[in-house]
C-alpha atoms as a PDB file:
ATOM      1  CA  LYS A   1      15.606  92.489  95.169  1.00  0.00           C
ATOM      2  CA  THR A   2      16.195  92.844  98.904  1.00  0.00           C
ATOM      3  CA  GLY A   3      18.802  91.807 101.475  1.00  0.00           C
ATOM      4  CA  PHE A   4      22.093  89.580 100.447  1.00  0.00           C
ATOM      5  CA  PHE A   5      22.882  88.026  97.227  1.00  0.00           C
ATOM      6  CA  ASP A   6      22.429  84.354  99.124  1.00  0.00           C
ATOM      7  CA  TYR A   7      21.341  81.031  97.993  1.00  0.00           C
ATOM      8  CA  ALA A   8      17.597  81.651  97.774  1.00  0.00           C
ATOM      9  CA  ASN A   9      18.183  85.156  96.120  1.00  0.00           C
ATOM     10  CA  LYS A  10      20.954  83.675  93.612  1.00  0.00           C
ATOM     11  CA  TYR A  11      18.470  80.511  92.702  1.00  0.00           C
ATOM     12  CA  GLN A  12      14.916  81.604  93.630  1.00  0.00           C
ATOM     13  CA  ASP A  13      12.637  82.578  90.480  1.00  0.00           C
ATOM     14  CA  GLY A  14      12.040  86.213  90.582  1.00  0.00           C
ATOM     15  CA  ALA A  15      14.149  86.895  93.775  1.00  0.00           C
ATOM     16  CA  THR A  16      16.676  89.216  91.953  1.00  0.00           C
ATOM     17  CA  GLU A  17      16.975  91.669  89.100  1.00  0.00           C
ATOM     18  CA  GLU A  18      19.671  90.997  86.661  1.00  0.00           C
ATOM     19  CA  VAL A  19      20.222  93.712  83.862  1.00  0.00           C
ATOM     20  CA  CYS A  20      21.933  92.787  81.777  1.00  0.00           C
ATOM     21  CA  PRO A  21      23.689  94.601  79.630  1.00  0.00           C
ATOM     22  CA  ALA A  22      24.282  96.462  82.854  1.00  0.00           C
ATOM     23  CA  ASN A  23      23.053 100.387  82.174  1.00  0.00           C
ATOM     24  CA  ILE A  24      26.645 101.992  82.910  1.00  0.00           C
ATOM     25  CA  SER A  25      28.783 104.218  80.248  1.00  0.00           C
ATOM     26  CA  GLU A  26      30.836 103.342  77.719  1.00  0.00           C
ATOM     27  CA  GLU A  27      33.790 104.829  79.927  1.00  0.00           C
ATOM     28  CA  ILE A  28      33.098 102.322  82.758  1.00  0.00           C
ATOM     29  CA  SER A  29      32.352  99.208  80.536  1.00  0.00           C
ATOM     30  CA  GLU A  30      35.868  99.914  79.086  1.00  0.00           C
ATOM     31  CA  ARG A  31      37.373 100.430  82.791  1.00  0.00           C
ATOM     32  CA  MET A  32      35.601  97.133  83.747  1.00  0.00           C
ATOM     33  CA  LYS A  33      36.996  95.561  81.100  1.00  0.00           C
ATOM     34  CA  GLU A  34      40.593  96.150  81.483  1.00  0.00           C
ATOM     35  CA  LEU A  35      40.429  95.473  85.127  1.00  0.00           C
ATOM     36  CA  THR A  36      38.966  92.396  84.213  1.00  0.00           C
ATOM     37  CA  VAL A  37      41.832  91.297  81.688  1.00  0.00           C
ATOM     38  CA  ARG A  38      44.302  92.251  83.983  1.00  0.00           C
ATOM     39  CA  ALA A  39      43.159  90.018  87.373  1.00  0.00           C
ATOM     40  CA  PHE A  40      42.761  87.829  84.953  1.00  0.00           C
ATOM     41  CA  HIS A  41      46.303  87.660  83.278  1.00  0.00           C
ATOM     42  CA  ALA A  42      47.560  88.772  86.709  1.00  0.00           C
ATOM     43  CA  LEU A  43      45.905  85.462  88.328  1.00  0.00           C
ATOM     44  CA  LYS A  44      47.623  82.886  85.501  1.00  0.00           C
ATOM     45  CA  LEU A  45      43.967  82.262  84.336  1.00  0.00           C
ATOM     46  CA  ASN A  46      43.365  80.377  80.693  1.00  0.00           C
ATOM     47  CA  VAL A  47      40.322  80.110  79.019  1.00  0.00           C
ATOM     48  CA  TYR A  48      37.491  81.631  80.964  1.00  0.00           C
ATOM     49  CA  SER A  49      36.218  83.443  83.873  1.00  0.00           C
ATOM     50  CA  ARG A  50      34.114  85.746  85.112  1.00  0.00           C
ATOM     51  CA  ALA A  51      35.005  89.278  87.636  1.00  0.00           C
ATOM     52  CA  ASP A  52      32.540  90.801  89.795  1.00  0.00           C
ATOM     53  CA  PHE A  53      32.541  94.261  90.252  1.00  0.00           C
ATOM     54  CA  LEU A  54      30.765  97.352  92.861  1.00  0.00           C
ATOM     55  CA  LEU A  55      30.456 100.764  91.435  1.00  0.00           C
ATOM     56  CA  ASP A  56      29.664 103.155  93.854  1.00  0.00           C
ATOM     57  CA  GLU A  57      28.325 106.589  93.094  1.00  0.00           C
ATOM     58  CA  LYS A  58      31.159 108.307  92.664  1.00  0.00           C
ATOM     59  CA  GLY A  59      31.568 105.952  89.449  1.00  0.00           C
ATOM     60  CA  ASN A  60      34.804 104.076  91.100  1.00  0.00           C
ATOM     61  CA  LEU A  61      34.784 100.070  90.756  1.00  0.00           C
ATOM     62  CA  TYR A  62      35.966  97.777  92.936  1.00  0.00           C
ATOM     63  CA  CYS A  63      36.344  94.185  91.708  1.00  0.00           C
ATOM     64  CA  LEU A  64      34.468  91.886  94.481  1.00  0.00           C
ATOM     65  CA  GLU A  65      35.356  88.376  93.304  1.00  0.00           C
ATOM     66  CA  VAL A  66      37.287  86.942  89.933  1.00  0.00           C
ATOM     67  CA  ASN A  67      35.168  83.406  89.393  1.00  0.00           C
ATOM     68  CA  THR A  68      37.443  80.600  87.877  1.00  0.00           C
ATOM     69  CA  LEU A  69      34.844  78.456  86.921  1.00  0.00           C
ATOM     70  CA  PRO A  70      31.287  80.416  86.684  1.00  0.00           C
ATOM     71  CA  GLY A  71      27.801  78.618  86.626  1.00  0.00           C
ATOM     72  CA  MET A  72      26.271  77.383  83.760  1.00  0.00           C
ATOM     73  CA  THR A  73      23.205  76.842  84.824  1.00  0.00           C
ATOM     74  CA  ALA A  74      19.721  78.408  83.309  1.00  0.00           C
ATOM     75  CA  ALA A  75      20.085  81.012  86.398  1.00  0.00           C
ATOM     76  CA  SER A  76      23.843  81.799  85.551  1.00  0.00           C
ATOM     77  CA  LEU A  77      25.058  85.197  84.815  1.00  0.00           C
ATOM     78  CA  LEU A  78      28.232  83.980  82.241  1.00  0.00           C
ATOM     79  CA  PRO A  79      25.446  82.638  79.747  1.00  0.00           C
ATOM     80  CA  LYS A  80      23.389  85.410  80.254  1.00  0.00           C
ATOM     81  CA  GLU A  81      26.104  87.616  79.207  1.00  0.00           C
ATOM     82  CA  ALA A  82      27.113  85.466  76.319  1.00  0.00           C
ATOM     83  CA  ASN A  83      23.869  85.752  74.969  1.00  0.00           C
ATOM     84  CA  VAL A  84      23.709  89.175  74.820  1.00  0.00           C
ATOM     85  CA  ALA A  85      26.962  88.904  73.403  1.00  0.00           C
ATOM     86  CA  GLY A  86      25.019  87.065  70.412  1.00  0.00           C
ATOM     87  CA  ILE A  87      26.909  83.742  71.567  1.00  0.00           C
ATOM     88  CA  ALA A  88      24.142  80.742  72.042  1.00  0.00           C
ATOM     89  CA  TYR A  89      24.048  78.512  75.205  1.00  0.00           C
ATOM     90  CA  GLY A  90      25.655  75.920  72.712  1.00  0.00           C
ATOM     91  CA  ASP A  91      28.133  78.184  70.924  1.00  0.00           C
ATOM     92  CA  LEU A  92      29.716  78.794  74.404  1.00  0.00           C
ATOM     93  CA  CYS A  93      29.873  75.201  75.814  1.00  0.00           C
ATOM     94  CA  GLU A  94      31.633  74.181  72.540  1.00  0.00           C
ATOM     95  CA  LEU A  95      33.770  77.552  72.793  1.00  0.00           C
ATOM     96  CA  ILE A  96      35.006  76.838  76.284  1.00  0.00           C
ATOM     97  CA  ILE A  97      35.244  73.053  75.712  1.00  0.00           C
ATOM     98  CA  LYS A  98      37.229  74.107  72.414  1.00  0.00           C
ATOM     99  CA  LYS A  99      39.333  76.750  74.026  1.00  0.00           C
ATOM    100  CA  SER A 100      40.349  74.351  76.799  1.00  0.00           C
ATOM    101  CA  LEU A 101      41.562  71.713  74.627  1.00  0.00           C
ATOM    102  CA  GLU A 102      43.398  73.978  72.935  1.00  0.00           C
ATOM    103  CA  ALA A 103      45.346  75.170  76.465  1.00  0.00           C
ATOM    104  CA  ARG A 104      45.971  71.927  77.746  1.00  0.00           C
ATOM    105  CA  TYR A 105      47.569  70.348  74.805  1.00  0.00           C
ATOM    106  CA  GLU A 106      49.630  73.442  73.414  1.00  0.00           C
END
């Protein structure tokens, strides 16, 4: 809610407020998806990752980082995002394992 997104703010209950899904326009959401996929391929990633963006007041997007091994704790963003997309935590874990095995043994 205030200050830097440090360890305490990231993992202390109530220290941050995550809005998921983000309150952004469909146009910005689509641009973020496109940029995320482009970064995923440019970095030659496979299976899954999570990209973090900054959005300025003019609507410009800046890719802050691509997390190649995003957190999977109860406080982590990937499981929260998956839940919004209708994917339960257990199903998300199974999907990651399945896709990882497929990628490994293709």
